[in-house]
Structure formats: C-alpha cells, structure tokens
C-alpha cells in the first residue's frame, strides 16, 4: 500500500495542472500570444493543441509544417469532433501560443502530401498511409478577426 501512495500523489498533481501531461489531456494552455510566423520552419516533434475555447481541452500531439502550413492529424481522437463544432484552436510551441483556426483537409493530394511528410518526420512506414483513409487531417491557419 505504501508504494501506491507516491503514484497516486503524482497522478493527482498531474491532474491538477492545466497542461496536458504525456497522454493525459489538460485544459487551457498558458503562454504568450504570439504572431503567426510567415513560415513555421521546423516544428518540434510534439506540440500542444487546445480545442473547445469555452471549455478548453488540450493534448500533446505530433505537429507538422509542410508547404508553409501547420498540420495536425488523428485517426480517432476525442478532440476531433470538438474542432468540427468550433474551428477555433490554440497551439503552443515552446513558450509561444498561437490562436488559429482548424480546417479539415478534404483535398486528396494535400492529404497524401501530409501523410508522406508525417511518415518522413516520424519514421513511419511510407506505404502505411491507411490511417489517412479513416483519419482526419487539419490545416491550422490564422483566424479571421
């Protein structure tokens, strides 16, 4: 029983934070609102995505910059329908927070390019783009004010 207490304390502390923790979702992301770059350049392996601004829900997720756009993708994630309901999202990369909108990519060629770029960046089998058949790809762009 004494070995379980530190684990429970750690989980409680993690749950008390608003940031997502590994695979545990969080709430509202903190950071300095930053102007969107003209070119995303090299995006870290993991970024943080916040959806549902009225009741923020945030996750750690693989991010990708491709052809000047920022993308996230999922095969089956709890947050994807939240984007359908409200396109406003925020992304935190390092200490910078970007207010963006998420648009589901419908163009087959753009999806194929993103799948190929994901495979390259994350060392995935380039021939296993099957997740794209049932998954969703979102392009993250500037919000219209």
C-alpha atoms as a PDB file:
ATOM      1  CA  UNK A   1       0.000   0.000   0.000  1.00  0.00           C
ATOM      2  CA  UNK A   2       2.848   2.428   0.789  1.00  0.00           C
ATOM      3  CA  UNK A   3       4.186   2.024  -2.746  1.00  0.00           C
ATOM      4  CA  UNK A   4       0.846   3.088  -4.220  1.00  0.00           C
ATOM      5  CA  UNK A   5       0.697   6.428  -2.350  1.00  0.00           C
ATOM      6  CA  UNK A   6       3.520   8.154  -4.307  1.00  0.00           C
ATOM      7  CA  UNK A   7       1.970   7.041  -7.578  1.00  0.00           C
ATOM      8  CA  UNK A   8      -1.447   8.385  -6.559  1.00  0.00           C
ATOM      9  CA  UNK A   9       0.101  11.663  -5.413  1.00  0.00           C
ATOM     10  CA  UNK A  10       1.875  12.019  -8.741  1.00  0.00           C
ATOM     11  CA  UNK A  11      -1.335  11.397 -10.649  1.00  0.00           C
ATOM     12  CA  UNK A  12      -3.219  13.927  -8.529  1.00  0.00           C
ATOM     13  CA  UNK A  13      -0.541  16.556  -9.117  1.00  0.00           C
ATOM     14  CA  UNK A  14      -0.593  15.877 -12.838  1.00  0.00           C
ATOM     15  CA  UNK A  15      -4.387  16.132 -12.915  1.00  0.00           C
ATOM     16  CA  UNK A  16      -4.254  19.458 -11.079  1.00  0.00           C
ATOM     17  CA  UNK A  17      -2.168  21.036 -13.848  1.00  0.00           C
ATOM     18  CA  UNK A  18      -3.903  22.624 -16.801  1.00  0.00           C
ATOM     19  CA  UNK A  19      -1.237  21.460 -19.258  1.00  0.00           C
ATOM     20  CA  UNK A  20      -1.625  18.085 -20.929  1.00  0.00           C
ATOM     21  CA  UNK A  21       0.711  15.523 -19.373  1.00  0.00           C
ATOM     22  CA  UNK A  22       2.067  12.877 -21.749  1.00  0.00           C
ATOM     23  CA  UNK A  23      -1.229  11.236 -22.841  1.00  0.00           C
ATOM     24  CA  UNK A  24      -3.440  12.822 -20.169  1.00  0.00           C
ATOM     25  CA  UNK A  25      -5.388  15.774 -21.619  1.00  0.00           C
ATOM     26  CA  UNK A  26      -5.283  19.176 -19.964  1.00  0.00           C
ATOM     27  CA  UNK A  27      -7.241  22.406 -20.032  1.00  0.00           C
ATOM     28  CA  UNK A  28      -6.425  25.955 -21.080  1.00  0.00           C
ATOM     29  CA  UNK A  29      -2.871  26.387 -22.338  1.00  0.00           C
ATOM     30  CA  UNK A  30      -0.780  29.153 -20.829  1.00  0.00           C
ATOM     31  CA  UNK A  31       1.769  31.188 -22.745  1.00  0.00           C
ATOM     32  CA  UNK A  32       2.379  34.420 -24.559  1.00  0.00           C
ATOM     33  CA  UNK A  33       0.106  35.019 -27.547  1.00  0.00           C
ATOM     34  CA  UNK A  34       2.481  35.296 -30.479  1.00  0.00           C
ATOM     35  CA  UNK A  35       2.072  36.499 -34.047  1.00  0.00           C
ATOM     36  CA  UNK A  36       1.809  33.661 -36.535  1.00  0.00           C
ATOM     37  CA  UNK A  37       5.075  33.198 -38.442  1.00  0.00           C
ATOM     38  CA  UNK A  38       5.156  33.523 -42.216  1.00  0.00           C
ATOM     39  CA  UNK A  39       6.893  30.148 -42.318  1.00  0.00           C
ATOM     40  CA  UNK A  40       6.544  27.615 -39.499  1.00  0.00           C
ATOM     41  CA  UNK A  41      10.023  26.296 -40.221  1.00  0.00           C
ATOM     42  CA  UNK A  42      10.934  23.254 -38.159  1.00  0.00           C
ATOM     43  CA  UNK A  43       8.183  22.289 -35.737  1.00  0.00           C
ATOM     44  CA  UNK A  44       9.165  20.236 -32.669  1.00  0.00           C
ATOM     45  CA  UNK A  45       8.143  16.597 -32.618  1.00  0.00           C
ATOM     46  CA  UNK A  46       5.368  17.245 -30.079  1.00  0.00           C
ATOM     47  CA  UNK A  47       3.255  20.384 -29.875  1.00  0.00           C
ATOM     48  CA  UNK A  48       0.227  21.168 -27.740  1.00  0.00           C
ATOM     49  CA  UNK A  49      -3.220  21.687 -29.224  1.00  0.00           C
ATOM     50  CA  UNK A  50      -6.129  23.311 -27.369  1.00  0.00           C
ATOM     51  CA  UNK A  51      -9.671  22.936 -28.697  1.00  0.00           C
ATOM     52  CA  UNK A  52     -13.113  23.960 -27.427  1.00  0.00           C
ATOM     53  CA  UNK A  53     -12.353  27.516 -26.215  1.00  0.00           C
ATOM     54  CA  UNK A  54     -15.458  27.714 -23.995  1.00  0.00           C
ATOM     55  CA  UNK A  55     -14.292  24.684 -22.001  1.00  0.00           C
ATOM     56  CA  UNK A  56     -10.650  24.200 -23.068  1.00  0.00           C
ATOM     57  CA  UNK A  57      -9.348  20.717 -23.747  1.00  0.00           C
ATOM     58  CA  UNK A  58      -5.680  20.342 -24.670  1.00  0.00           C
ATOM     59  CA  UNK A  59      -3.495  17.477 -25.827  1.00  0.00           C
ATOM     60  CA  UNK A  60       0.088  16.719 -26.737  1.00  0.00           C
ATOM     61  CA  UNK A  61       0.177  15.831 -30.409  1.00  0.00           C
ATOM     62  CA  UNK A  62       2.541  15.360 -33.305  1.00  0.00           C
ATOM     63  CA  UNK A  63       2.705  18.513 -35.386  1.00  0.00           C
ATOM     64  CA  UNK A  64       3.920  19.057 -38.904  1.00  0.00           C
ATOM     65  CA  UNK A  65       4.906  22.054 -41.001  1.00  0.00           C
ATOM     66  CA  UNK A  66       4.528  21.405 -44.709  1.00  0.00           C
ATOM     67  CA  UNK A  67       4.454  23.883 -47.605  1.00  0.00           C
ATOM     68  CA  UNK A  68       4.207  26.782 -45.148  1.00  0.00           C
ATOM     69  CA  UNK A  69       1.190  25.319 -43.336  1.00  0.00           C
ATOM     70  CA  UNK A  70       0.885  23.766 -39.887  1.00  0.00           C
ATOM     71  CA  UNK A  71      -0.962  20.441 -39.640  1.00  0.00           C
ATOM     72  CA  UNK A  72      -2.220  18.006 -37.030  1.00  0.00           C
ATOM     73  CA  UNK A  73      -3.851  14.680 -37.754  1.00  0.00           C
ATOM     74  CA  UNK A  74      -5.700  11.941 -35.956  1.00  0.00           C
ATOM     75  CA  UNK A  75      -7.235   8.612 -36.680  1.00  0.00           C
ATOM     76  CA  UNK A  76      -9.734   8.635 -33.844  1.00  0.00           C
ATOM     77  CA  UNK A  77      -9.326  11.235 -31.115  1.00  0.00           C
ATOM     78  CA  UNK A  78     -11.795  12.760 -28.666  1.00  0.00           C
ATOM     79  CA  UNK A  79     -10.806  16.287 -29.731  1.00  0.00           C
ATOM     80  CA  UNK A  80     -11.567  15.911 -33.466  1.00  0.00           C
ATOM     81  CA  UNK A  81     -15.364  16.358 -33.162  1.00  0.00           C
ATOM     82  CA  UNK A  82     -14.716  19.369 -30.935  1.00  0.00           C
ATOM     83  CA  UNK A  83     -12.989  21.057 -33.887  1.00  0.00           C
ATOM     84  CA  UNK A  84     -15.990  20.280 -36.070  1.00  0.00           C
ATOM     85  CA  UNK A  85     -18.177  22.087 -33.536  1.00  0.00           C
ATOM     86  CA  UNK A  86     -15.800  25.077 -33.174  1.00  0.00           C
ATOM     87  CA  UNK A  87     -12.854  25.670 -35.502  1.00  0.00           C
ATOM     88  CA  UNK A  88     -11.040  27.968 -33.044  1.00  0.00           C
ATOM     89  CA  UNK A  89      -7.919  26.317 -31.654  1.00  0.00           C
ATOM     90  CA  UNK A  90      -4.734  27.378 -29.941  1.00  0.00           C
ATOM     91  CA  UNK A  91      -1.330  25.791 -30.381  1.00  0.00           C
ATOM     92  CA  UNK A  92       1.599  26.071 -28.034  1.00  0.00           C
ATOM     93  CA  UNK A  93       5.061  25.560 -29.446  1.00  0.00           C
ATOM     94  CA  UNK A  94       7.674  26.004 -26.746  1.00  0.00           C
ATOM     95  CA  UNK A  95       6.578  29.183 -24.883  1.00  0.00           C
ATOM     96  CA  UNK A  96       4.659  30.652 -27.821  1.00  0.00           C
ATOM     97  CA  UNK A  97       0.892  30.430 -28.041  1.00  0.00           C
ATOM     98  CA  UNK A  98      -0.806  30.818 -31.423  1.00  0.00           C
ATOM     99  CA  UNK A  99      -4.516  31.493 -31.921  1.00  0.00           C
ATOM    100  CA  UNK A 100      -5.549  29.621 -35.048  1.00  0.00           C
ATOM    101  CA  UNK A 101      -8.470  28.005 -36.809  1.00  0.00           C
ATOM    102  CA  UNK A 102      -8.540  24.366 -37.834  1.00  0.00           C
ATOM    103  CA  UNK A 103      -9.880  23.335 -41.210  1.00  0.00           C
ATOM    104  CA  UNK A 104     -10.338  19.705 -42.112  1.00  0.00           C
ATOM    105  CA  UNK A 105      -8.397  18.930 -45.261  1.00  0.00           C
ATOM    106  CA  UNK A 106     -10.599  17.412 -47.961  1.00  0.00           C
ATOM    107  CA  UNK A 107      -8.235  17.538 -50.949  1.00  0.00           C
ATOM    108  CA  UNK A 108      -6.825  14.061 -51.653  1.00  0.00           C
ATOM    109  CA  UNK A 109      -3.488  15.383 -52.936  1.00  0.00           C
ATOM    110  CA  UNK A 110      -2.964  17.611 -49.900  1.00  0.00           C
ATOM    111  CA  UNK A 111      -3.799  14.691 -47.588  1.00  0.00           C
ATOM    112  CA  UNK A 112      -1.347  12.465 -49.489  1.00  0.00           C
ATOM    113  CA  UNK A 113       1.387  15.113 -49.125  1.00  0.00           C
ATOM    114  CA  UNK A 114       0.749  15.441 -45.383  1.00  0.00           C
ATOM    115  CA  UNK A 115       0.728  11.652 -44.909  1.00  0.00           C
ATOM    116  CA  UNK A 116       4.045  11.409 -46.752  1.00  0.00           C
ATOM    117  CA  UNK A 117       5.533  14.233 -44.661  1.00  0.00           C
ATOM    118  CA  UNK A 118       4.317  12.615 -41.419  1.00  0.00           C
ATOM    119  CA  UNK A 119       5.890   9.323 -42.487  1.00  0.00           C
ATOM    120  CA  UNK A 120       9.190  11.058 -43.163  1.00  0.00           C
ATOM    121  CA  UNK A 121       9.227  13.147 -39.961  1.00  0.00           C
ATOM    122  CA  UNK A 122       8.093  10.397 -37.591  1.00  0.00           C
ATOM    123  CA  UNK A 123       9.846   7.430 -39.248  1.00  0.00           C
ATOM    124  CA  UNK A 124       6.605   5.742 -40.190  1.00  0.00           C
ATOM    125  CA  UNK A 125       6.235   3.217 -42.985  1.00  0.00           C
ATOM    126  CA  UNK A 126       5.580   5.435 -46.027  1.00  0.00           C
ATOM    127  CA  UNK A 127       3.384   2.748 -47.562  1.00  0.00           C
ATOM    128  CA  UNK A 128       1.184   2.578 -44.479  1.00  0.00           C
ATOM    129  CA  UNK A 129      -0.982   5.605 -45.116  1.00  0.00           C
ATOM    130  CA  UNK A 130      -4.029   3.585 -44.083  1.00  0.00           C
ATOM    131  CA  UNK A 131      -4.639   5.876 -41.107  1.00  0.00           C
ATOM    132  CA  UNK A 132      -5.414   8.658 -43.586  1.00  0.00           C
ATOM    133  CA  UNK A 133      -8.289   6.628 -45.030  1.00  0.00           C
ATOM    134  CA  UNK A 134     -10.180   6.691 -41.735  1.00  0.00           C
ATOM    135  CA  UNK A 135      -8.392   9.594 -40.086  1.00  0.00           C
ATOM    136  CA  UNK A 136      -8.627  13.341 -40.292  1.00  0.00           C
ATOM    137  CA  UNK A 137      -6.021  15.918 -41.251  1.00  0.00           C
ATOM    138  CA  UNK A 138      -6.423  19.509 -40.077  1.00  0.00           C
ATOM    139  CA  UNK A 139      -4.679  22.564 -41.519  1.00  0.00           C
ATOM    140  CA  UNK A 140      -4.115  25.238 -38.874  1.00  0.00           C
ATOM    141  CA  UNK A 141      -4.208  28.797 -40.190  1.00  0.00           C
ATOM    142  CA  UNK A 142      -4.746  32.360 -38.984  1.00  0.00           C
ATOM    143  CA  UNK A 143      -8.154  33.170 -37.561  1.00  0.00           C
ATOM    144  CA  UNK A 144     -10.252  35.838 -39.236  1.00  0.00           C
ATOM    145  CA  UNK A 145     -10.672  38.529 -36.633  1.00  0.00           C
END
